[in-house]
Amino acid sequence: MSKPMFTIVQIVKYIYGSIVGRRYETLKQNYIPIIDAIDPESDVIVYPEIVIGNPLRARNVVRWVMYYPGKIMGKWGYGNDDLIFSYHDMFSRNHKYIHYGGELKIIFLQKSYYNSKSAKRSGTCYIKRKRKYRKIVHDLDNSKLIDGKAHEEIAEIFRNSEACISYDCYTMYSRYAAICGCLSIVVPEKV
């Protein structure tokens, strides 16, 4: 195996460097093994849609499009030989990929937090996530924004709210709200 061209720290800085300042919830336990070396000739590298180009210079590239290409980063780029998968076909409809593998979904439900145990419900909560610039159309009185909160706190809010209004049409949090017994309302959006 050849020596890696970049250190893991350099890779992480490259991939996430352009989204510094945004707050993302991360798992407290590491479920993903970290590699210390790659073989760019034989390893398959999977990039999300926010990574432009091929920073690891891998021969075998898979793109997993989990949101509309270019919506978050403002630009989008992939190679002619990249194999493309999308989380939802909506994210790939307007793109002509040379090698499209179809939909790919991996769903992990955090059942320890999200369940229907509840107290008396009142008020609403809402989700903006990737659609933070959308216009709010519901009454904000007695309504809590869940973005940026820990899973445990979000689940507690869901269990105590009558309804959850989501401005992000594709977030897993709408499903978590329903699992907690909260009426889940997704505000439709023109694409």
C-alpha atoms as a PDB file:
ATOM      1  CA  MET A   1       0.000   0.000   0.000  1.00  0.00           C
ATOM      2  CA  SER A   2       1.344   3.418  -0.893  1.00  0.00           C
ATOM      3  CA  LYS A   3       1.742   6.188   1.670  1.00  0.00           C
ATOM      4  CA  PRO A   4      -1.211   8.571   2.060  1.00  0.00           C
ATOM      5  CA  MET A   5      -0.933  11.862   0.193  1.00  0.00           C
ATOM      6  CA  PHE A   6      -2.650  13.743   3.011  1.00  0.00           C
ATOM      7  CA  THR A   7      -2.971  13.323   6.761  1.00  0.00           C
ATOM      8  CA  ILE A   8      -6.441  12.713   8.188  1.00  0.00           C
ATOM      9  CA  VAL A   9      -6.332  16.212   9.736  1.00  0.00           C
ATOM     10  CA  GLN A  10      -5.606  17.754   6.320  1.00  0.00           C
ATOM     11  CA  ILE A  11      -8.484  15.795   4.762  1.00  0.00           C
ATOM     12  CA  VAL A  12     -10.960  16.862   7.440  1.00  0.00           C
ATOM     13  CA  LYS A  13      -9.831  20.496   7.184  1.00  0.00           C
ATOM     14  CA  TYR A  14     -10.261  20.389   3.408  1.00  0.00           C
ATOM     15  CA  ILE A  15     -13.683  18.768   3.435  1.00  0.00           C
ATOM     16  CA  TYR A  16     -15.137  20.794   6.279  1.00  0.00           C
ATOM     17  CA  GLY A  17     -13.031  23.930   5.967  1.00  0.00           C
ATOM     18  CA  SER A  18     -15.591  25.747   3.870  1.00  0.00           C
ATOM     19  CA  ILE A  19     -18.409  25.113   6.336  1.00  0.00           C
ATOM     20  CA  VAL A  20     -16.596  26.318   9.461  1.00  0.00           C
ATOM     21  CA  GLY A  21     -18.898  28.282  11.704  1.00  0.00           C
ATOM     22  CA  ARG A  22     -21.921  26.109  11.011  1.00  0.00           C
ATOM     23  CA  ARG A  23     -23.028  24.003  13.926  1.00  0.00           C
ATOM     24  CA  TYR A  24     -23.663  20.308  13.363  1.00  0.00           C
ATOM     25  CA  GLU A  25     -24.603  17.749  15.979  1.00  0.00           C
ATOM     26  CA  THR A  26     -22.157  14.864  16.091  1.00  0.00           C
ATOM     27  CA  LEU A  27     -22.458  11.446  17.664  1.00  0.00           C
ATOM     28  CA  LYS A  28     -20.782  11.207  21.052  1.00  0.00           C
ATOM     29  CA  GLN A  29     -19.563   7.689  20.273  1.00  0.00           C
ATOM     30  CA  ASN A  30     -17.439   6.956  17.211  1.00  0.00           C
ATOM     31  CA  TYR A  31     -19.368   4.505  15.023  1.00  0.00           C
ATOM     32  CA  ILE A  32     -17.164   5.044  11.978  1.00  0.00           C
ATOM     33  CA  PRO A  33     -13.661   3.601  11.978  1.00  0.00           C
ATOM     34  CA  ILE A  34     -10.995   6.152  11.087  1.00  0.00           C
ATOM     35  CA  ILE A  35      -8.404   5.145   8.517  1.00  0.00           C
ATOM     36  CA  ASP A  36      -4.791   6.137   8.796  1.00  0.00           C
ATOM     37  CA  ALA A  37      -3.843   5.461   5.174  1.00  0.00           C
ATOM     38  CA  ILE A  38      -5.532   5.060   1.816  1.00  0.00           C
ATOM     39  CA  ASP A  39      -4.568   3.365  -1.385  1.00  0.00           C
ATOM     40  CA  PRO A  40      -5.840   5.769  -4.074  1.00  0.00           C
ATOM     41  CA  GLU A  41      -5.535   3.052  -6.730  1.00  0.00           C
ATOM     42  CA  SER A  42      -7.745   0.395  -5.124  1.00  0.00           C
ATOM     43  CA  ASP A  43      -9.814   1.979  -2.322  1.00  0.00           C
ATOM     44  CA  VAL A  44     -13.308   3.290  -3.037  1.00  0.00           C
ATOM     45  CA  ILE A  45     -13.770   6.801  -1.651  1.00  0.00           C
ATOM     46  CA  VAL A  46     -17.296   8.058  -0.903  1.00  0.00           C
ATOM     47  CA  TYR A  47     -17.817  11.832  -0.940  1.00  0.00           C
ATOM     48  CA  PRO A  48     -21.003  13.712   0.004  1.00  0.00           C
ATOM     49  CA  GLU A  49     -22.328  16.377  -2.371  1.00  0.00           C
ATOM     50  CA  ILE A  50     -20.545  19.148  -0.433  1.00  0.00           C
ATOM     51  CA  VAL A  51     -17.101  17.901  -1.515  1.00  0.00           C
ATOM     52  CA  ILE A  52     -16.005  19.376  -4.833  1.00  0.00           C
ATOM     53  CA  GLY A  53     -13.504  17.512  -6.931  1.00  0.00           C
ATOM     54  CA  ASN A  54     -11.470  14.556  -5.703  1.00  0.00           C
ATOM     55  CA  PRO A  55      -9.266  15.820  -2.835  1.00  0.00           C
ATOM     56  CA  LEU A  56      -7.952  12.320  -2.038  1.00  0.00           C
ATOM     57  CA  ARG A  57      -7.073  11.746  -5.703  1.00  0.00           C
ATOM     58  CA  ALA A  58      -8.769   8.353  -5.634  1.00  0.00           C
ATOM     59  CA  ARG A  59      -9.269   6.280  -8.754  1.00  0.00           C
ATOM     60  CA  ASN A  60     -12.633   4.880  -7.570  1.00  0.00           C
ATOM     61  CA  VAL A  61     -15.044   7.620  -6.491  1.00  0.00           C
ATOM     62  CA  VAL A  62     -18.640   7.304  -5.330  1.00  0.00           C
ATOM     63  CA  ARG A  63     -20.773  10.399  -4.685  1.00  0.00           C
ATOM     64  CA  TRP A  64     -23.616  10.162  -2.205  1.00  0.00           C
ATOM     65  CA  VAL A  65     -25.932  13.076  -2.940  1.00  0.00           C
ATOM     66  CA  MET A  66     -27.883  13.702   0.268  1.00  0.00           C
ATOM     67  CA  TYR A  67     -29.276  17.113  -0.704  1.00  0.00           C
ATOM     68  CA  TYR A  68     -29.632  19.248  -3.820  1.00  0.00           C
ATOM     69  CA  PRO A  69     -26.166  19.586  -5.393  1.00  0.00           C
ATOM     70  CA  GLY A  70     -24.885  23.151  -5.019  1.00  0.00           C
ATOM     71  CA  LYS A  71     -27.628  24.325  -2.629  1.00  0.00           C
ATOM     72  CA  ILE A  72     -25.403  24.352   0.457  1.00  0.00           C
ATOM     73  CA  MET A  73     -21.947  25.078  -0.970  1.00  0.00           C
ATOM     74  CA  GLY A  74     -23.044  27.149  -3.974  1.00  0.00           C
ATOM     75  CA  LYS A  75     -21.153  24.938  -6.397  1.00  0.00           C
ATOM     76  CA  TRP A  76     -20.981  21.283  -7.306  1.00  0.00           C
ATOM     77  CA  GLY A  77     -18.433  19.211  -9.167  1.00  0.00           C
ATOM     78  CA  TYR A  78     -17.853  15.556  -9.912  1.00  0.00           C
ATOM     79  CA  GLY A  79     -15.786  13.446 -12.290  1.00  0.00           C
ATOM     80  CA  ASN A  80     -17.059  11.739 -15.436  1.00  0.00           C
ATOM     81  CA  ASP A  81     -16.230   8.317 -13.979  1.00  0.00           C
ATOM     82  CA  ASP A  82     -17.806   8.919 -10.546  1.00  0.00           C
ATOM     83  CA  LEU A  83     -20.617   6.566  -9.539  1.00  0.00           C
ATOM     84  CA  ILE A  84     -23.495   8.660  -8.176  1.00  0.00           C
ATOM     85  CA  PHE A  85     -26.099   7.593  -5.598  1.00  0.00           C
ATOM     86  CA  SER A  86     -28.728   9.864  -4.074  1.00  0.00           C
ATOM     87  CA  TYR A  87     -30.490   9.699  -0.724  1.00  0.00           C
ATOM     88  CA  HIS A  88     -33.747  10.615  -2.486  1.00  0.00           C
ATOM     89  CA  ASP A  89     -34.476  10.699  -6.205  1.00  0.00           C
ATOM     90  CA  MET A  90     -35.601  14.330  -5.797  1.00  0.00           C
ATOM     91  CA  PHE A  91     -31.927  15.291  -5.333  1.00  0.00           C
ATOM     92  CA  SER A  92     -30.901  13.777  -8.675  1.00  0.00           C
ATOM     93  CA  ARG A  93     -33.833  14.587 -10.988  1.00  0.00           C
ATOM     94  CA  ASN A  94     -32.372  17.686 -12.605  1.00  0.00           C
ATOM     95  CA  HIS A  95     -28.882  16.274 -13.101  1.00  0.00           C
ATOM     96  CA  LYS A  96     -27.623  14.114 -15.929  1.00  0.00           C
ATOM     97  CA  TYR A  97     -25.180  11.718 -14.323  1.00  0.00           C
ATOM     98  CA  ILE A  98     -23.153   9.430 -16.560  1.00  0.00           C
ATOM     99  CA  HIS A  99     -23.091   6.668 -13.935  1.00  0.00           C
ATOM    100  CA  TYR A 100     -26.177   6.764 -11.685  1.00  0.00           C
ATOM    101  CA  GLY A 101     -26.567   3.896  -9.205  1.00  0.00           C
ATOM    102  CA  GLY A 102     -29.994   4.865  -7.848  1.00  0.00           C
ATOM    103  CA  GLU A 103     -31.165   5.639  -4.328  1.00  0.00           C
ATOM    104  CA  LEU A 104     -29.067   4.704  -1.299  1.00  0.00           C
ATOM    105  CA  LYS A 105     -30.547   5.068   2.186  1.00  0.00           C
ATOM    106  CA  ILE A 106     -29.027   4.137   5.505  1.00  0.00           C
ATOM    107  CA  ILE A 107     -31.311   4.994   8.393  1.00  0.00           C
ATOM    108  CA  PHE A 108     -30.238   4.731  12.012  1.00  0.00           C
ATOM    109  CA  LEU A 109     -33.033   5.341  14.520  1.00  0.00           C
ATOM    110  CA  GLN A 110     -31.841   6.457  17.927  1.00  0.00           C
ATOM    111  CA  LYS A 111     -34.529   4.607  19.847  1.00  0.00           C
ATOM    112  CA  SER A 112     -32.978   5.385  23.222  1.00  0.00           C
ATOM    113  CA  TYR A 113     -34.018   9.027  22.751  1.00  0.00           C
ATOM    114  CA  TYR A 114     -36.957   8.903  20.405  1.00  0.00           C
ATOM    115  CA  ASN A 115     -40.003   7.153  21.815  1.00  0.00           C
ATOM    116  CA  SER A 116     -43.608   8.042  22.554  1.00  0.00           C
ATOM    117  CA  LYS A 117     -43.360   8.441  26.342  1.00  0.00           C
ATOM    118  CA  SER A 118     -44.866  11.836  26.955  1.00  0.00           C
ATOM    119  CA  ALA A 119     -46.229  14.259  29.471  1.00  0.00           C
ATOM    120  CA  LYS A 120     -48.989  16.771  28.795  1.00  0.00           C
ATOM    121  CA  ARG A 121     -48.370  18.367  25.399  1.00  0.00           C
ATOM    122  CA  SER A 122     -48.545  22.072  24.593  1.00  0.00           C
ATOM    123  CA  GLY A 123     -47.180  24.426  21.960  1.00  0.00           C
ATOM    124  CA  THR A 124     -45.169  23.590  18.889  1.00  0.00           C
ATOM    125  CA  CYS A 125     -41.590  23.143  17.831  1.00  0.00           C
ATOM    126  CA  TYR A 126     -40.039  23.724  14.439  1.00  0.00           C
ATOM    127  CA  ILE A 127     -37.150  22.643  12.252  1.00  0.00           C
ATOM    128  CA  LYS A 128     -35.240  24.714   9.699  1.00  0.00           C
ATOM    129  CA  ARG A 129     -31.959  22.755   9.297  1.00  0.00           C
ATOM    130  CA  LYS A 130     -30.837  22.916   5.626  1.00  0.00           C
ATOM    131  CA  ARG A 131     -33.657  25.321   4.737  1.00  0.00           C
ATOM    132  CA  LYS A 132     -32.833  27.966   7.338  1.00  0.00           C
ATOM    133  CA  TYR A 133     -33.589  30.808   4.914  1.00  0.00           C
ATOM    134  CA  ARG A 134     -37.203  29.793   4.275  1.00  0.00           C
ATOM    135  CA  LYS A 135     -39.937  32.152   5.428  1.00  0.00           C
ATOM    136  CA  ILE A 136     -41.601  31.133   8.709  1.00  0.00           C
ATOM    137  CA  VAL A 137     -45.325  30.598   8.132  1.00  0.00           C
ATOM    138  CA  HIS A 138     -46.447  29.441  11.571  1.00  0.00           C
ATOM    139  CA  ASP A 139     -47.094  31.357  14.805  1.00  0.00           C
ATOM    140  CA  LEU A 140     -43.854  31.573  16.808  1.00  0.00           C
ATOM    141  CA  ASP A 141     -45.644  32.091  20.144  1.00  0.00           C
ATOM    142  CA  ASN A 142     -44.915  29.059  22.337  1.00  0.00           C
ATOM    143  CA  SER A 143     -42.807  27.470  19.556  1.00  0.00           C
ATOM    144  CA  LYS A 144     -39.247  26.183  20.038  1.00  0.00           C
ATOM    145  CA  LEU A 145     -36.571  25.878  17.356  1.00  0.00           C
ATOM    146  CA  ILE A 146     -34.806  22.499  17.693  1.00  0.00           C
ATOM    147  CA  ASP A 147     -31.863  23.199  15.348  1.00  0.00           C
ATOM    148  CA  GLY A 148     -28.467  22.763  17.000  1.00  0.00           C
ATOM    149  CA  LYS A 149     -29.780  21.019  20.108  1.00  0.00           C
ATOM    150  CA  ALA A 150     -28.624  17.600  21.337  1.00  0.00           C
ATOM    151  CA  HIS A 151     -30.742  14.543  20.481  1.00  0.00           C
ATOM    152  CA  GLU A 152     -31.804  14.045  24.103  1.00  0.00           C
ATOM    153  CA  GLU A 153     -33.116  17.627  24.337  1.00  0.00           C
ATOM    154  CA  ILE A 154     -34.840  17.436  20.936  1.00  0.00           C
ATOM    155  CA  ALA A 155     -36.617  14.213  21.913  1.00  0.00           C
ATOM    156  CA  GLU A 156     -37.844  15.832  25.132  1.00  0.00           C
ATOM    157  CA  ILE A 157     -39.192  18.811  23.143  1.00  0.00           C
ATOM    158  CA  PHE A 158     -40.957  16.432  20.710  1.00  0.00           C
ATOM    159  CA  ARG A 159     -42.546  14.489  23.597  1.00  0.00           C
ATOM    160  CA  ASN A 160     -43.913  17.713  25.102  1.00  0.00           C
ATOM    161  CA  SER A 161     -45.061  19.508  21.913  1.00  0.00           C
ATOM    162  CA  GLU A 162     -48.421  19.118  20.199  1.00  0.00           C
ATOM    163  CA  ALA A 163     -46.954  19.583  16.717  1.00  0.00           C
ATOM    164  CA  CYS A 164     -43.621  19.910  14.950  1.00  0.00           C
ATOM    165  CA  ILE A 165     -43.412  22.109  11.844  1.00  0.00           C
ATOM    166  CA  SER A 166     -40.519  21.340   9.505  1.00  0.00           C
ATOM    167  CA  TYR A 167     -39.222  23.726   6.841  1.00  0.00           C
ATOM    168  CA  ASP A 168     -36.709  21.081   5.693  1.00  0.00           C
ATOM    169  CA  CYS A 169     -38.695  18.600   3.605  1.00  0.00           C
ATOM    170  CA  TYR A 170     -36.118  15.821   3.879  1.00  0.00           C
ATOM    171  CA  THR A 171     -34.909  15.788   7.473  1.00  0.00           C
ATOM    172  CA  MET A 172     -35.056  12.658   9.613  1.00  0.00           C
ATOM    173  CA  TYR A 173     -36.208  14.840  12.503  1.00  0.00           C
ATOM    174  CA  SER A 174     -39.750  14.933  11.069  1.00  0.00           C
ATOM    175  CA  ARG A 175     -39.865  11.159  11.512  1.00  0.00           C
ATOM    176  CA  TYR A 176     -38.385  11.394  14.993  1.00  0.00           C
ATOM    177  CA  ALA A 177     -41.152  13.853  15.931  1.00  0.00           C
ATOM    178  CA  ALA A 178     -43.807  11.365  14.796  1.00  0.00           C
ATOM    179  CA  ILE A 179     -42.109   8.516  16.701  1.00  0.00           C
ATOM    180  CA  CYS A 180     -42.368  10.689  19.831  1.00  0.00           C
ATOM    181  CA  GLY A 181     -46.117  11.073  19.285  1.00  0.00           C
ATOM    182  CA  CYS A 182     -45.854  14.664  18.068  1.00  0.00           C
ATOM    183  CA  LEU A 183     -47.935  15.656  15.026  1.00  0.00           C
ATOM    184  CA  SER A 184     -45.332  16.091  12.271  1.00  0.00           C
ATOM    185  CA  ILE A 185     -46.113  18.788   9.687  1.00  0.00           C
ATOM    186  CA  VAL A 186     -43.802  19.374   6.718  1.00  0.00           C
ATOM    187  CA  VAL A 187     -44.214  22.739   4.974  1.00  0.00           C
ATOM    188  CA  PRO A 188     -44.090  22.006   1.213  1.00  0.00           C
ATOM    189  CA  GLU A 189     -41.587  23.780  -0.958  1.00  0.00           C
ATOM    190  CA  LYS A 190     -41.354  24.559  -4.669  1.00  0.00           C
ATOM    191  CA  VAL A 191     -38.136  23.209  -6.139  1.00  0.00           C
END
